[in-house]
């Protein structure tokens, strides 16, 4: 192999490494409390939908439910609602994890109460706008409890959120499920006030 061919091979390898650097995996979605004594949480979202709005924001809805505990009527439901305001583009927008381009809302509905965590973070999108399936990563984000009702216990405290998410393109499902989640959270907290 002559020196020109070796140089081209090295250049091609470097370009490939640079291109795939943005595709790296950030691991499963993890919510890690800032205080080391608390246990990190890895919600296994079973449903995920996203839509692109007229304002070019990306709205994500993710949810999972665990089976109802013995003797309890309802399961524990975990919901994440994420809005990405601008898409990171290398050389045009910031691509640092310390930037903020998204709001994150994490809702936990238990038989005994509701907790809502909110914060901001930086989200990278790996597929083209309107792709059938959108792979994205929360590179870094902060969450803290902003509202709770009933017997909800804050087991996380101030937390960091990071990891991969996946959602299917469906504007109708994203809108309907996000509205339903907000209503369920409000209804659970409203009923609790009058018990």
Protein backbone atom coordinates (compact mmCIF):
# COMPACT_ATOMS: atom_id res chain seq x y z
CA UNK A 1 0.00 0.00 0.00
CA UNK A 2 1.57 3.30 -1.05
CA UNK A 3 1.65 6.37 1.20
CA UNK A 4 -1.22 8.08 -0.66
CA UNK A 5 -3.49 5.05 -0.20
CA UNK A 6 -2.53 4.84 3.51
CA UNK A 7 -3.29 8.54 3.96
CA UNK A 8 -6.70 8.09 2.27
CA UNK A 9 -7.48 5.10 4.51
CA UNK A 10 -6.55 7.06 7.65
CA UNK A 11 -8.60 10.06 6.48
CA UNK A 12 -11.62 7.85 5.71
CA UNK A 13 -11.35 6.17 9.14
CA UNK A 14 -11.15 9.55 10.87
CA UNK A 15 -14.18 10.84 8.95
CA UNK A 16 -16.16 7.70 9.84
CA UNK A 17 -15.21 8.01 13.53
CA UNK A 18 -16.25 11.68 13.50
CA UNK A 19 -19.57 10.87 11.82
CA UNK A 20 -20.39 8.02 14.22
CA UNK A 21 -19.29 10.04 17.23
CA UNK A 22 -22.75 11.64 17.20
CA UNK A 23 -24.40 8.19 16.96
CA UNK A 24 -22.90 6.83 20.15
CA UNK A 25 -25.14 5.14 22.65
CA UNK A 26 -25.79 6.88 25.94
CA UNK A 27 -27.10 3.67 27.48
CA UNK A 28 -30.56 3.00 28.89
CA UNK A 29 -32.52 5.97 30.18
CA UNK A 30 -31.45 6.51 33.78
CA UNK A 31 -32.66 8.93 36.43
CA UNK A 32 -29.89 9.24 38.99
CA UNK A 33 -30.39 11.17 42.23
CA UNK A 34 -27.78 13.84 42.93
CA UNK A 35 -27.44 12.46 46.47
CA UNK A 36 -25.49 9.22 46.23
CA UNK A 37 -27.50 7.50 48.98
CA UNK A 38 -30.62 7.24 46.79
CA UNK A 39 -31.03 4.47 44.20
CA UNK A 40 -30.94 5.27 40.45
CA UNK A 41 -34.08 4.52 38.47
CA UNK A 42 -34.21 2.99 34.97
CA UNK A 43 -37.75 3.36 33.60
CA UNK A 44 -38.39 0.77 30.88
CA UNK A 45 -40.75 2.71 28.63
CA UNK A 46 -42.95 0.29 26.66
CA UNK A 47 -44.68 2.92 24.51
CA UNK A 48 -43.18 5.94 22.79
CA UNK A 49 -44.63 8.39 20.28
CA UNK A 50 -43.43 11.67 18.83
CA UNK A 51 -44.63 14.43 16.55
CA UNK A 52 -43.15 17.49 14.88
CA UNK A 53 -45.20 20.64 15.45
CA UNK A 54 -45.78 23.59 13.12
CA UNK A 55 -43.18 25.49 15.16
CA UNK A 56 -40.64 22.73 14.37
CA UNK A 57 -40.50 21.46 17.95
CA UNK A 58 -40.32 17.73 18.62
CA UNK A 59 -42.81 16.47 21.22
CA UNK A 60 -42.19 13.04 22.77
CA UNK A 61 -44.51 10.95 24.92
CA UNK A 62 -43.13 7.85 26.68
CA UNK A 63 -44.91 5.62 29.19
CA UNK A 64 -44.69 2.38 31.07
CA UNK A 65 -46.87 0.64 33.64
CA UNK A 66 -45.89 -1.91 36.26
CA UNK A 67 -48.33 -4.58 37.37
CA UNK A 68 -50.64 -3.70 40.23
CA UNK A 69 -49.24 -4.66 43.62
CA UNK A 70 -51.01 -7.39 45.55
CA UNK A 71 -54.17 -6.00 47.10
CA UNK A 72 -53.96 -2.73 45.11
CA UNK A 73 -56.47 -1.71 42.44
CA UNK A 74 -54.12 0.30 40.22
CA UNK A 75 -50.67 -0.13 38.71
CA UNK A 76 -47.82 2.37 38.95
CA UNK A 77 -47.56 4.41 35.76
CA UNK A 78 -44.45 6.33 34.69
CA UNK A 79 -44.72 8.97 31.96
CA UNK A 80 -42.14 11.21 30.32
CA UNK A 81 -43.20 14.20 28.22
CA UNK A 82 -40.28 15.84 26.42
CA UNK A 83 -40.34 18.89 24.17
CA UNK A 84 -37.25 19.59 22.05
CA UNK A 85 -37.25 23.26 20.95
CA UNK A 86 -34.39 23.14 18.43
CA UNK A 87 -32.44 20.42 16.72
CA UNK A 88 -28.68 20.40 17.41
CA UNK A 89 -26.64 20.87 14.22
CA UNK A 90 -22.82 20.72 14.46
CA UNK A 91 -21.25 23.99 13.36
CA UNK A 92 -24.56 25.86 13.55
CA UNK A 93 -26.00 25.31 17.04
CA UNK A 94 -24.38 24.34 20.35
CA UNK A 95 -23.84 20.58 20.70
CA UNK A 96 -22.57 20.58 24.29
CA UNK A 97 -24.40 18.65 26.98
CA UNK A 98 -24.37 21.83 29.09
CA UNK A 99 -26.68 23.48 26.52
CA UNK A 100 -30.45 23.31 26.97
CA UNK A 101 -32.79 22.60 24.08
CA UNK A 102 -35.57 20.65 25.80
CA UNK A 103 -38.01 20.63 28.70
CA UNK A 104 -38.58 17.34 30.48
CA UNK A 105 -41.59 16.35 32.55
CA UNK A 106 -41.57 13.02 34.40
CA UNK A 107 -44.87 11.96 36.02
CA UNK A 108 -45.30 9.03 38.42
CA UNK A 109 -48.89 7.95 39.16
CA UNK A 110 -49.21 5.48 42.04
CA UNK A 111 -52.29 4.10 43.81
CA UNK A 112 -51.50 6.44 46.71
CA UNK A 113 -50.66 9.66 44.88
CA UNK A 114 -49.00 11.51 42.03
CA UNK A 115 -45.57 13.08 41.71
CA UNK A 116 -44.44 15.40 38.94
CA UNK A 117 -40.78 16.08 38.26
CA UNK A 118 -39.77 18.81 35.82
CA UNK A 119 -36.56 20.19 34.40
CA UNK A 120 -34.53 20.94 31.32
CA UNK A 121 -31.82 19.21 29.34
CA UNK A 122 -30.03 18.65 26.08
CA UNK A 123 -31.45 16.15 23.57
CA UNK A 124 -29.81 14.87 20.38
CA UNK A 125 -31.99 13.54 17.54
CA UNK A 126 -30.48 10.81 15.36
CA UNK A 127 -33.07 10.43 12.57
CA UNK A 128 -34.44 12.76 9.91
CA UNK A 129 -37.45 14.89 10.70
CA UNK A 130 -40.65 12.87 10.28
CA UNK A 131 -38.83 9.49 10.33
CA UNK A 132 -41.10 6.55 11.12
CA UNK A 133 -39.02 5.84 14.25
CA UNK A 134 -37.01 8.54 16.01
CA UNK A 135 -33.97 7.54 18.02
CA UNK A 136 -32.79 10.26 20.39
CA UNK A 137 -30.62 10.66 23.46
CA UNK A 138 -30.97 12.82 26.50
CA UNK A 139 -27.31 13.75 26.81
CA UNK A 140 -27.81 15.54 30.11
CA UNK A 141 -30.73 16.93 32.07
CA UNK A 142 -31.91 17.89 35.54
CA UNK A 143 -35.16 16.98 37.29
CA UNK A 144 -36.71 17.95 40.58
CA UNK A 145 -40.08 17.35 42.19
CA UNK A 146 -42.38 20.29 41.42
CA UNK A 147 -45.70 18.88 42.59
CA UNK A 148 -47.05 15.94 44.58
CA UNK A 149 -50.33 14.81 46.07
CA UNK A 150 -51.69 12.08 48.25
CA UNK A 151 -49.16 9.78 49.85
CA UNK A 152 -46.55 10.22 47.12
CA UNK A 153 -43.05 9.91 48.53
CA UNK A 154 -40.16 11.60 46.73
CA UNK A 155 -37.62 8.79 46.54
CA UNK A 156 -35.39 10.65 44.05
CA UNK A 157 -34.90 14.25 45.14
CA UNK A 158 -32.95 16.47 42.72
CA UNK A 159 -31.80 14.15 39.92
CA UNK A 160 -29.88 13.89 36.66
CA UNK A 161 -31.47 12.21 33.63
CA UNK A 162 -29.52 10.68 30.75
CA UNK A 163 -29.95 7.93 28.17
CA UNK A 164 -31.48 6.78 24.93
CA UNK A 165 -35.13 7.08 23.95
CA UNK A 166 -37.06 5.69 20.99
CA UNK A 167 -40.44 6.81 19.67
CA UNK A 168 -42.74 6.04 16.73
CA UNK A 169 -44.03 8.93 14.62
CA UNK A 170 -47.71 9.45 15.43
CA UNK A 171 -48.99 12.97 16.04
CA UNK A 172 -52.47 11.74 17.00
CA UNK A 173 -51.25 9.29 19.65
CA UNK A 174 -48.71 11.75 21.09
CA UNK A 175 -51.35 14.48 21.48
CA UNK A 176 -54.05 12.17 22.89
CA UNK A 177 -51.78 10.35 25.35
CA UNK A 178 -50.10 13.55 26.58
CA UNK A 179 -53.50 15.16 27.21
CA UNK A 180 -54.77 12.02 28.93
CA UNK A 181 -51.65 11.91 31.16
CA UNK A 182 -52.08 15.53 32.21
CA UNK A 183 -55.76 14.92 33.00
CA UNK A 184 -54.96 11.75 34.97
CA UNK A 185 -52.31 13.56 37.02
CA UNK A 186 -54.69 16.46 37.69
CA UNK A 187 -57.63 14.17 38.50
CA UNK A 188 -55.55 12.13 40.95
CA UNK A 189 -54.35 15.24 42.74
CA UNK A 190 -57.84 16.84 42.65
CA UNK A 191 -59.60 13.79 44.13
CA UNK A 192 -56.99 13.60 46.87
CA UNK A 193 -57.74 17.15 48.02
CA UNK A 194 -61.32 16.26 48.91
CA UNK A 195 -60.81 12.91 50.64
